[in-house]
Amino acid sequence: MELDARKAKLVREILTEVNNIELLEKISKYLHKHLQQTMNRPCQFTVEELEQVLEQSQEDIKKGNISTHEDMVKEVFSKFR
């Protein structure tokens, strides 16, 4: 089934089968969350942008602006506990 036909089928199912505002809100939230995640995919950098990030990282290392792996793990666990 091609994309337009699947979209139409989904819309028909929602219009005929969803008779509950809570379910409709859940569907809407899920759709918006999914669309937002796909729009903000990682690794969408140009080569030039990646080179700039690498240069900045190397400068930070030279200046001593670094954290150990252990420090980073502690910070992450403290935020998500």
PDB file of N, CA and C in Angstrom:
ATOM      1  N   MET A   1       0.864  -1.178   0.000  1.00  0.00           N
ATOM      2  CA  MET A   1       0.000   0.000   0.000  1.00  0.00           C
ATOM      3  C   MET A   1       0.909   1.241   0.000  1.00  0.00           C
ATOM      4  N   GLU A   2       0.640   2.178  -0.871  1.00  0.00           N
ATOM      5  CA  GLU A   2       1.491   3.356  -0.934  1.00  0.00           C
ATOM      6  C   GLU A   2       1.176   4.321   0.205  1.00  0.00           C
ATOM      7  N   LEU A   3       2.037   5.298   0.376  1.00  0.00           N
ATOM      8  CA  LEU A   3       1.967   6.208   1.520  1.00  0.00           C
ATOM      9  C   LEU A   3       0.631   6.939   1.622  1.00  0.00           C
ATOM     10  N   ASP A   4       0.163   7.521   0.550  1.00  0.00           N
ATOM     11  CA  ASP A   4      -1.100   8.275   0.618  1.00  0.00           C
ATOM     12  C   ASP A   4      -2.280   7.387   1.004  1.00  0.00           C
ATOM     13  N   ALA A   5      -2.296   6.185   0.509  1.00  0.00           N
ATOM     14  CA  ALA A   5      -3.378   5.259   0.847  1.00  0.00           C
ATOM     15  C   ALA A   5      -3.311   4.882   2.328  1.00  0.00           C
ATOM     16  N   ARG A   6      -2.110   4.671   2.852  1.00  0.00           N
ATOM     17  CA  ARG A   6      -1.976   4.332   4.279  1.00  0.00           C
ATOM     18  C   ARG A   6      -2.388   5.494   5.159  1.00  0.00           C
ATOM     19  N   LYS A   7      -2.022   6.719   4.757  1.00  0.00           N
ATOM     20  CA  LYS A   7      -2.431   7.902   5.527  1.00  0.00           C
ATOM     21  C   LYS A   7      -3.955   8.015   5.551  1.00  0.00           C
ATOM     22  N   ALA A   8      -4.568   7.836   4.383  1.00  0.00           N
ATOM     23  CA  ALA A   8      -6.033   7.931   4.294  1.00  0.00           C
ATOM     24  C   ALA A   8      -6.692   6.867   5.168  1.00  0.00           C
ATOM     25  N   LYS A   9      -6.129   5.654   5.153  1.00  0.00           N
ATOM     26  CA  LYS A   9      -6.687   4.574   5.968  1.00  0.00           C
ATOM     27  C   LYS A   9      -6.587   4.917   7.450  1.00  0.00           C
ATOM     28  N   LEU A  10      -5.447   5.449   7.866  1.00  0.00           N
ATOM     29  CA  LEU A  10      -5.275   5.825   9.269  1.00  0.00           C
ATOM     30  C   LEU A  10      -6.261   6.915   9.669  1.00  0.00           C
ATOM     31  N   VAL A  11      -6.433   7.906   8.832  1.00  0.00           N
ATOM     32  CA  VAL A  11      -7.382   8.979   9.126  1.00  0.00           C
ATOM     33  C   VAL A  11      -8.795   8.422   9.247  1.00  0.00           C
ATOM     34  N   ARG A  12      -9.178   7.531   8.329  1.00  0.00           N
ATOM     35  CA  ARG A  12     -10.516   6.917   8.411  1.00  0.00           C
ATOM     36  C   ARG A  12     -10.682   6.142   9.712  1.00  0.00           C
ATOM     37  N   GLU A  13      -9.649   5.386  10.097  1.00  0.00           N
ATOM     38  CA  GLU A  13      -9.728   4.618  11.349  1.00  0.00           C
ATOM     39  C   GLU A  13      -9.895   5.549  12.543  1.00  0.00           C
ATOM     40  N   ILE A  14      -9.153   6.624  12.563  1.00  0.00           N
ATOM     41  CA  ILE A  14      -9.274   7.569  13.677  1.00  0.00           C
ATOM     42  C   ILE A  14     -10.675   8.178  13.699  1.00  0.00           C
ATOM     43  N   LEU A  15     -11.163   8.587  12.541  1.00  0.00           N
ATOM     44  CA  LEU A  15     -12.484   9.218  12.479  1.00  0.00           C
ATOM     45  C   LEU A  15     -13.610   8.269  12.859  1.00  0.00           C
ATOM     46  N   THR A  16     -13.491   6.993  12.506  1.00  0.00           N
ATOM     47  CA  THR A  16     -14.596   6.068  12.767  1.00  0.00           C
ATOM     48  C   THR A  16     -14.450   5.307  14.080  1.00  0.00           C
ATOM     49  N   GLU A  17     -13.229   5.027  14.501  1.00  0.00           N
ATOM     50  CA  GLU A  17     -13.032   4.149  15.655  1.00  0.00           C
ATOM     51  C   GLU A  17     -12.739   4.878  16.963  1.00  0.00           C
ATOM     52  N   VAL A  18     -12.171   6.057  16.902  1.00  0.00           N
ATOM     53  CA  VAL A  18     -11.788   6.758  18.133  1.00  0.00           C
ATOM     54  C   VAL A  18     -12.953   7.618  18.587  1.00  0.00           C
ATOM     55  N   ASN A  19     -13.558   7.191  19.690  1.00  0.00           N
ATOM     56  CA  ASN A  19     -14.710   7.905  20.249  1.00  0.00           C
ATOM     57  C   ASN A  19     -14.424   8.361  21.672  1.00  0.00           C
ATOM     58  N   ASN A  20     -13.157   8.584  21.955  1.00  0.00           N
ATOM     59  CA  ASN A  20     -12.745   8.845  23.321  1.00  0.00           C
ATOM     60  C   ASN A  20     -11.669   9.931  23.272  1.00  0.00           C
ATOM     61  N   ILE A  21     -11.903  11.045  23.952  1.00  0.00           N
ATOM     62  CA  ILE A  21     -10.985  12.189  23.905  1.00  0.00           C
ATOM     63  C   ILE A  21      -9.604  11.839  24.454  1.00  0.00           C
ATOM     64  N   GLU A  22      -9.562  10.991  25.477  1.00  0.00           N
ATOM     65  CA  GLU A  22      -8.272  10.623  26.065  1.00  0.00           C
ATOM     66  C   GLU A  22      -7.403   9.858  25.061  1.00  0.00           C
ATOM     67  N   LEU A  23      -8.018   8.929  24.348  1.00  0.00           N
ATOM     68  CA  LEU A  23      -7.275   8.178  23.338  1.00  0.00           C
ATOM     69  C   LEU A  23      -6.816   9.096  22.215  1.00  0.00           C
ATOM     70  N   LEU A  24      -7.677  10.003  21.801  1.00  0.00           N
ATOM     71  CA  LEU A  24      -7.315  10.951  20.756  1.00  0.00           C
ATOM     72  C   LEU A  24      -6.142  11.828  21.202  1.00  0.00           C
ATOM     73  N   GLU A  25      -6.146  12.250  22.451  1.00  0.00           N
ATOM     74  CA  GLU A  25      -5.038  13.053  22.981  1.00  0.00           C
ATOM     75  C   GLU A  25      -3.743  12.240  23.004  1.00  0.00           C
ATOM     76  N   LYS A  26      -3.828  10.965  23.376  1.00  0.00           N
ATOM     77  CA  LYS A  26      -2.636  10.111  23.389  1.00  0.00           C
ATOM     78  C   LYS A  26      -2.067   9.938  21.983  1.00  0.00           C
ATOM     79  N   ILE A  27      -2.946   9.723  21.026  1.00  0.00           N
ATOM     80  CA  ILE A  27      -2.508   9.575  19.633  1.00  0.00           C
ATOM     81  C   ILE A  27      -1.822  10.861  19.174  1.00  0.00           C
ATOM     82  N   SER A  28      -2.427  11.986  19.483  1.00  0.00           N
ATOM     83  CA  SER A  28      -1.882  13.273  19.079  1.00  0.00           C
ATOM     84  C   SER A  28      -0.519  13.525  19.718  1.00  0.00           C
ATOM     85  N   LYS A  29      -0.406  13.257  21.027  1.00  0.00           N
ATOM     86  CA  LYS A  29       0.876  13.458  21.720  1.00  0.00           C
ATOM     87  C   LYS A  29       1.958  12.544  21.151  1.00  0.00           C
ATOM     88  N   TYR A  30       1.592  11.299  20.903  1.00  0.00           N
ATOM     89  CA  TYR A  30       2.562  10.359  20.340  1.00  0.00           C
ATOM     90  C   TYR A  30       3.041  10.837  18.973  1.00  0.00           C
ATOM     91  N   LEU A  31       2.112  11.272  18.146  1.00  0.00           N
ATOM     92  CA  LEU A  31       2.461  11.738  16.808  1.00  0.00           C
ATOM     93  C   LEU A  31       3.389  12.951  16.878  1.00  0.00           C
ATOM     94  N   HIS A  32       3.043  13.922  17.719  1.00  0.00           N
ATOM     95  CA  HIS A  32       3.866  15.127  17.832  1.00  0.00           C
ATOM     96  C   HIS A  32       5.250  14.803  18.390  1.00  0.00           C
ATOM     97  N   LYS A  33       5.307  13.922  19.367  1.00  0.00           N
ATOM     98  CA  LYS A  33       6.599  13.530  19.940  1.00  0.00           C
ATOM     99  C   LYS A  33       7.459  12.839  18.880  1.00  0.00           C
ATOM    100  N   HIS A  34       6.853  11.949  18.133  1.00  0.00           N
ATOM    101  CA  HIS A  34       7.584  11.232  17.086  1.00  0.00           C
ATOM    102  C   HIS A  34       8.091  12.195  16.005  1.00  0.00           C
ATOM    103  N   LEU A  35       7.235  13.111  15.578  1.00  0.00           N
ATOM    104  CA  LEU A  35       7.634  14.072  14.550  1.00  0.00           C
ATOM    105  C   LEU A  35       8.752  14.976  15.044  1.00  0.00           C
ATOM    106  N   GLN A  36       8.679  15.377  16.295  1.00  0.00           N
ATOM    107  CA  GLN A  36       9.716  16.228  16.868  1.00  0.00           C
ATOM    108  C   GLN A  36      11.044  15.486  16.933  1.00  0.00           C
ATOM    109  N   GLN A  37      11.027  14.229  17.309  1.00  0.00           N
ATOM    110  CA  GLN A  37      12.253  13.439  17.390  1.00  0.00           C
ATOM    111  C   GLN A  37      12.870  13.240  16.017  1.00  0.00           C
ATOM    112  N   THR A  38      12.058  13.002  15.011  1.00  0.00           N
ATOM    113  CA  THR A  38      12.615  12.771  13.686  1.00  0.00           C
ATOM    114  C   THR A  38      13.151  14.056  13.075  1.00  0.00           C
ATOM    115  N   MET A  39      12.628  15.194  13.501  1.00  0.00           N
ATOM    116  CA  MET A  39      13.140  16.459  12.990  1.00  0.00           C
ATOM    117  C   MET A  39      14.464  16.832  13.639  1.00  0.00           C
ATOM    118  N   ASN A  40      14.735  16.327  14.819  1.00  0.00           N
ATOM    119  CA  ASN A  40      15.943  16.668  15.563  1.00  0.00           C
ATOM    120  C   ASN A  40      16.927  15.512  15.591  1.00  0.00           C
ATOM    121  N   ARG A  41      17.055  14.810  14.497  1.00  0.00           N
ATOM    122  CA  ARG A  41      17.961  13.671  14.469  1.00  0.00           C
ATOM    123  C   ARG A  41      19.401  14.123  14.656  1.00  0.00           C
ATOM    124  N   PRO A  42      20.192  13.318  15.340  1.00  0.00           N
ATOM    125  CA  PRO A  42      21.603  13.670  15.528  1.00  0.00           C
ATOM    126  C   PRO A  42      22.397  13.457  14.237  1.00  0.00           C
ATOM    127  N   CYS A  43      23.614  13.927  14.253  1.00  0.00           N
ATOM    128  CA  CYS A  43      24.578  13.717  13.170  1.00  0.00           C
ATOM    129  C   CYS A  43      24.120  14.338  11.857  1.00  0.00           C
ATOM    130  N   GLN A  44      23.544  15.482  11.936  1.00  0.00           N
ATOM    131  CA  GLN A  44      23.153  16.183  10.727  1.00  0.00           C
ATOM    132  C   GLN A  44      24.069  17.406  10.557  1.00  0.00           C
ATOM    133  N   PHE A  45      25.374  17.158  10.598  1.00  0.00           N
ATOM    134  CA  PHE A  45      26.353  18.216  10.496  1.00  0.00           C
ATOM    135  C   PHE A  45      27.062  18.157   9.153  1.00  0.00           C
ATOM    136  N   THR A  46      27.501  19.312   8.705  1.00  0.00           N
ATOM    137  CA  THR A  46      28.347  19.328   7.514  1.00  0.00           C
ATOM    138  C   THR A  46      29.763  18.960   7.943  1.00  0.00           C
ATOM    139  N   VAL A  47      30.605  18.653   6.989  1.00  0.00           N
ATOM    140  CA  VAL A  47      32.002  18.338   7.285  1.00  0.00           C
ATOM    141  C   VAL A  47      32.667  19.549   7.947  1.00  0.00           C
ATOM    142  N   GLU A  48      32.349  20.731   7.464  1.00  0.00           N
ATOM    143  CA  GLU A  48      32.931  21.952   8.026  1.00  0.00           C
ATOM    144  C   GLU A  48      32.525  22.131   9.496  1.00  0.00           C
ATOM    145  N   GLU A  49      31.265  21.853   9.805  1.00  0.00           N
ATOM    146  CA  GLU A  49      30.808  21.965  11.194  1.00  0.00           C
ATOM    147  C   GLU A  49      31.531  20.961  12.086  1.00  0.00           C
ATOM    148  N   LEU A  50      31.704  19.753  11.594  1.00  0.00           N
ATOM    149  CA  LEU A  50      32.414  18.746  12.375  1.00  0.00           C
ATOM    150  C   LEU A  50      33.866  19.142  12.593  1.00  0.00           C
ATOM    151  N   GLU A  51      34.494  19.725  11.576  1.00  0.00           N
ATOM    152  CA  GLU A  51      35.867  20.193  11.724  1.00  0.00           C
ATOM    153  C   GLU A  51      35.963  21.292  12.770  1.00  0.00           C
ATOM    154  N   GLN A  52      34.980  22.195  12.818  1.00  0.00           N
ATOM    155  CA  GLN A  52      34.954  23.257  13.829  1.00  0.00           C
ATOM    156  C   GLN A  52      34.818  22.675  15.229  1.00  0.00           C
ATOM    157  N   VAL A  53      33.953  21.685  15.381  1.00  0.00           N
ATOM    158  CA  VAL A  53      33.774  21.038  16.687  1.00  0.00           C
ATOM    159  C   VAL A  53      35.068  20.357  17.114  1.00  0.00           C
ATOM    160  N   LEU A  54      35.727  19.698  16.186  1.00  0.00           N
ATOM    161  CA  LEU A  54      36.991  19.028  16.487  1.00  0.00           C
ATOM    162  C   LEU A  54      38.055  20.041  16.899  1.00  0.00           C
ATOM    163  N   GLU A  55      38.156  21.143  16.174  1.00  0.00           N
ATOM    164  CA  GLU A  55      39.123  22.182  16.525  1.00  0.00           C
ATOM    165  C   GLU A  55      38.851  22.742  17.917  1.00  0.00           C
ATOM    166  N   GLN A  56      37.568  23.002  18.211  1.00  0.00           N
ATOM    167  CA  GLN A  56      37.210  23.533  19.530  1.00  0.00           C
ATOM    168  C   GLN A  56      37.541  22.525  20.623  1.00  0.00           C
ATOM    169  N   SER A  57      37.295  21.259  20.358  1.00  0.00           N
ATOM    170  CA  SER A  57      37.605  20.219  21.337  1.00  0.00           C
ATOM    171  C   SER A  57      39.100  20.146  21.604  1.00  0.00           C
ATOM    172  N   GLN A  58      39.890  20.250  20.548  1.00  0.00           N
ATOM    173  CA  GLN A  58      41.346  20.215  20.717  1.00  0.00           C
ATOM    174  C   GLN A  58      41.838  21.419  21.509  1.00  0.00           C
ATOM    175  N   GLU A  59      41.240  22.595  21.283  1.00  0.00           N
ATOM    176  CA  GLU A  59      41.590  23.783  22.063  1.00  0.00           C
ATOM    177  C   GLU A  59      41.228  23.593  23.527  1.00  0.00           C
ATOM    178  N   ASP A  60      40.066  23.029  23.789  1.00  0.00           N
ATOM    179  CA  ASP A  60      39.644  22.772  25.170  1.00  0.00           C
ATOM    180  C   ASP A  60      40.627  21.844  25.874  1.00  0.00           C
ATOM    181  N   ILE A  61      41.078  20.815  25.180  1.00  0.00           N
ATOM    182  CA  ILE A  61      42.045  19.880  25.770  1.00  0.00           C
ATOM    183  C   ILE A  61      43.334  20.608  26.116  1.00  0.00           C
ATOM    184  N   LYS A  62      43.834  21.443  25.201  1.00  0.00           N
ATOM    185  CA  LYS A  62      45.076  22.193  25.445  1.00  0.00           C
ATOM    186  C   LYS A  62      44.942  23.120  26.646  1.00  0.00           C
ATOM    187  N   LYS A  63      43.732  23.709  26.828  1.00  0.00           N
ATOM    188  CA  LYS A  63      43.489  24.636  27.934  1.00  0.00           C
ATOM    189  C   LYS A  63      43.183  23.911  29.240  1.00  0.00           C
ATOM    190  N   GLY A  64      43.030  22.591  29.179  1.00  0.00           N
ATOM    191  CA  GLY A  64      42.719  21.826  30.384  1.00  0.00           C
ATOM    192  C   GLY A  64      41.241  21.781  30.714  1.00  0.00           C
ATOM    193  N   ASN A  65      40.401  22.196  29.790  1.00  0.00           N
ATOM    194  CA  ASN A  65      38.944  22.158  29.991  1.00  0.00           C
ATOM    195  C   ASN A  65      38.433  20.757  29.657  1.00  0.00           C
ATOM    196  N   ILE A  66      38.718  19.834  30.536  1.00  0.00           N
ATOM    197  CA  ILE A  66      38.337  18.445  30.294  1.00  0.00           C
ATOM    198  C   ILE A  66      37.706  17.853  31.539  1.00  0.00           C
ATOM    199  N   SER A  67      37.009  16.762  31.365  1.00  0.00           N
ATOM    200  CA  SER A  67      36.443  15.992  32.467  1.00  0.00           C
ATOM    201  C   SER A  67      36.825  14.534  32.253  1.00  0.00           C
ATOM    202  N   THR A  68      37.049  13.835  33.336  1.00  0.00           N
ATOM    203  CA  THR A  68      37.352  12.420  33.212  1.00  0.00           C
ATOM    204  C   THR A  68      36.066  11.651  32.937  1.00  0.00           C
ATOM    205  N   HIS A  69      36.229  10.464  32.453  1.00  0.00           N
ATOM    206  CA  HIS A  69      35.075   9.600  32.216  1.00  0.00           C
ATOM    207  C   HIS A  69      34.319   9.384  33.529  1.00  0.00           C
ATOM    208  N   GLU A  70      35.062   9.173  34.590  1.00  0.00           N
ATOM    209  CA  GLU A  70      34.446   8.935  35.902  1.00  0.00           C
ATOM    210  C   GLU A  70      33.607  10.147  36.333  1.00  0.00           C
ATOM    211  N   ASP A  71      34.124  11.345  36.127  1.00  0.00           N
ATOM    212  CA  ASP A  71      33.364  12.558  36.477  1.00  0.00           C
ATOM    213  C   ASP A  71      32.073  12.654  35.668  1.00  0.00           C
ATOM    214  N   MET A  72      32.158  12.331  34.392  1.00  0.00           N
ATOM    215  CA  MET A  72      30.976  12.393  33.540  1.00  0.00           C
ATOM    216  C   MET A  72      29.926  11.364  33.962  1.00  0.00           C
ATOM    217  N   VAL A  73      30.365  10.173  34.300  1.00  0.00           N
ATOM    218  CA  VAL A  73      29.432   9.140  34.754  1.00  0.00           C
ATOM    219  C   VAL A  73      28.733   9.592  36.030  1.00  0.00           C
ATOM    220  N   LYS A  74      29.494  10.152  36.962  1.00  0.00           N
ATOM    221  CA  LYS A  74      28.901  10.647  38.211  1.00  0.00           C
ATOM    222  C   LYS A  74      27.871  11.741  37.928  1.00  0.00           C
ATOM    223  N   GLU A  75      28.206  12.660  37.021  1.00  0.00           N
ATOM    224  CA  GLU A  75      27.287  13.746  36.698  1.00  0.00           C
ATOM    225  C   GLU A  75      26.003  13.213  36.071  1.00  0.00           C
ATOM    226  N   VAL A  76      26.121  12.292  35.145  1.00  0.00           N
ATOM    227  CA  VAL A  76      24.944  11.736  34.495  1.00  0.00           C
ATOM    228  C   VAL A  76      24.069  11.006  35.503  1.00  0.00           C
ATOM    229  N   PHE A  77      24.684  10.158  36.346  1.00  0.00           N
ATOM    230  CA  PHE A  77      23.889   9.414  37.318  1.00  0.00           C
ATOM    231  C   PHE A  77      23.237  10.336  38.346  1.00  0.00           C
ATOM    232  N   SER A  78      23.893  11.426  38.696  1.00  0.00           N
ATOM    233  CA  SER A  78      23.291  12.350  39.673  1.00  0.00           C
ATOM    234  C   SER A  78      22.076  13.058  39.082  1.00  0.00           C
ATOM    235  N   LYS A  79      22.073  13.304  37.780  1.00  0.00           N
ATOM    236  CA  LYS A  79      20.952  13.982  37.135  1.00  0.00           C
ATOM    237  C   LYS A  79      19.754  13.077  36.915  1.00  0.00           C
ATOM    238  N   PHE A  80      20.007  11.792  36.727  1.00  0.00           N
ATOM    239  CA  PHE A  80      18.920  10.885  36.329  1.00  0.00           C
ATOM    240  C   PHE A  80      18.551   9.872  37.396  1.00  0.00           C
ATOM    241  N   ARG A  81      18.853  10.164  38.596  1.00  0.00           N
ATOM    242  CA  ARG A  81      18.425   9.271  39.684  1.00  0.00           C
ATOM    243  C   ARG A  81      17.163   9.727  40.298  1.00  0.00           C
TER     244      ARG A  81
END
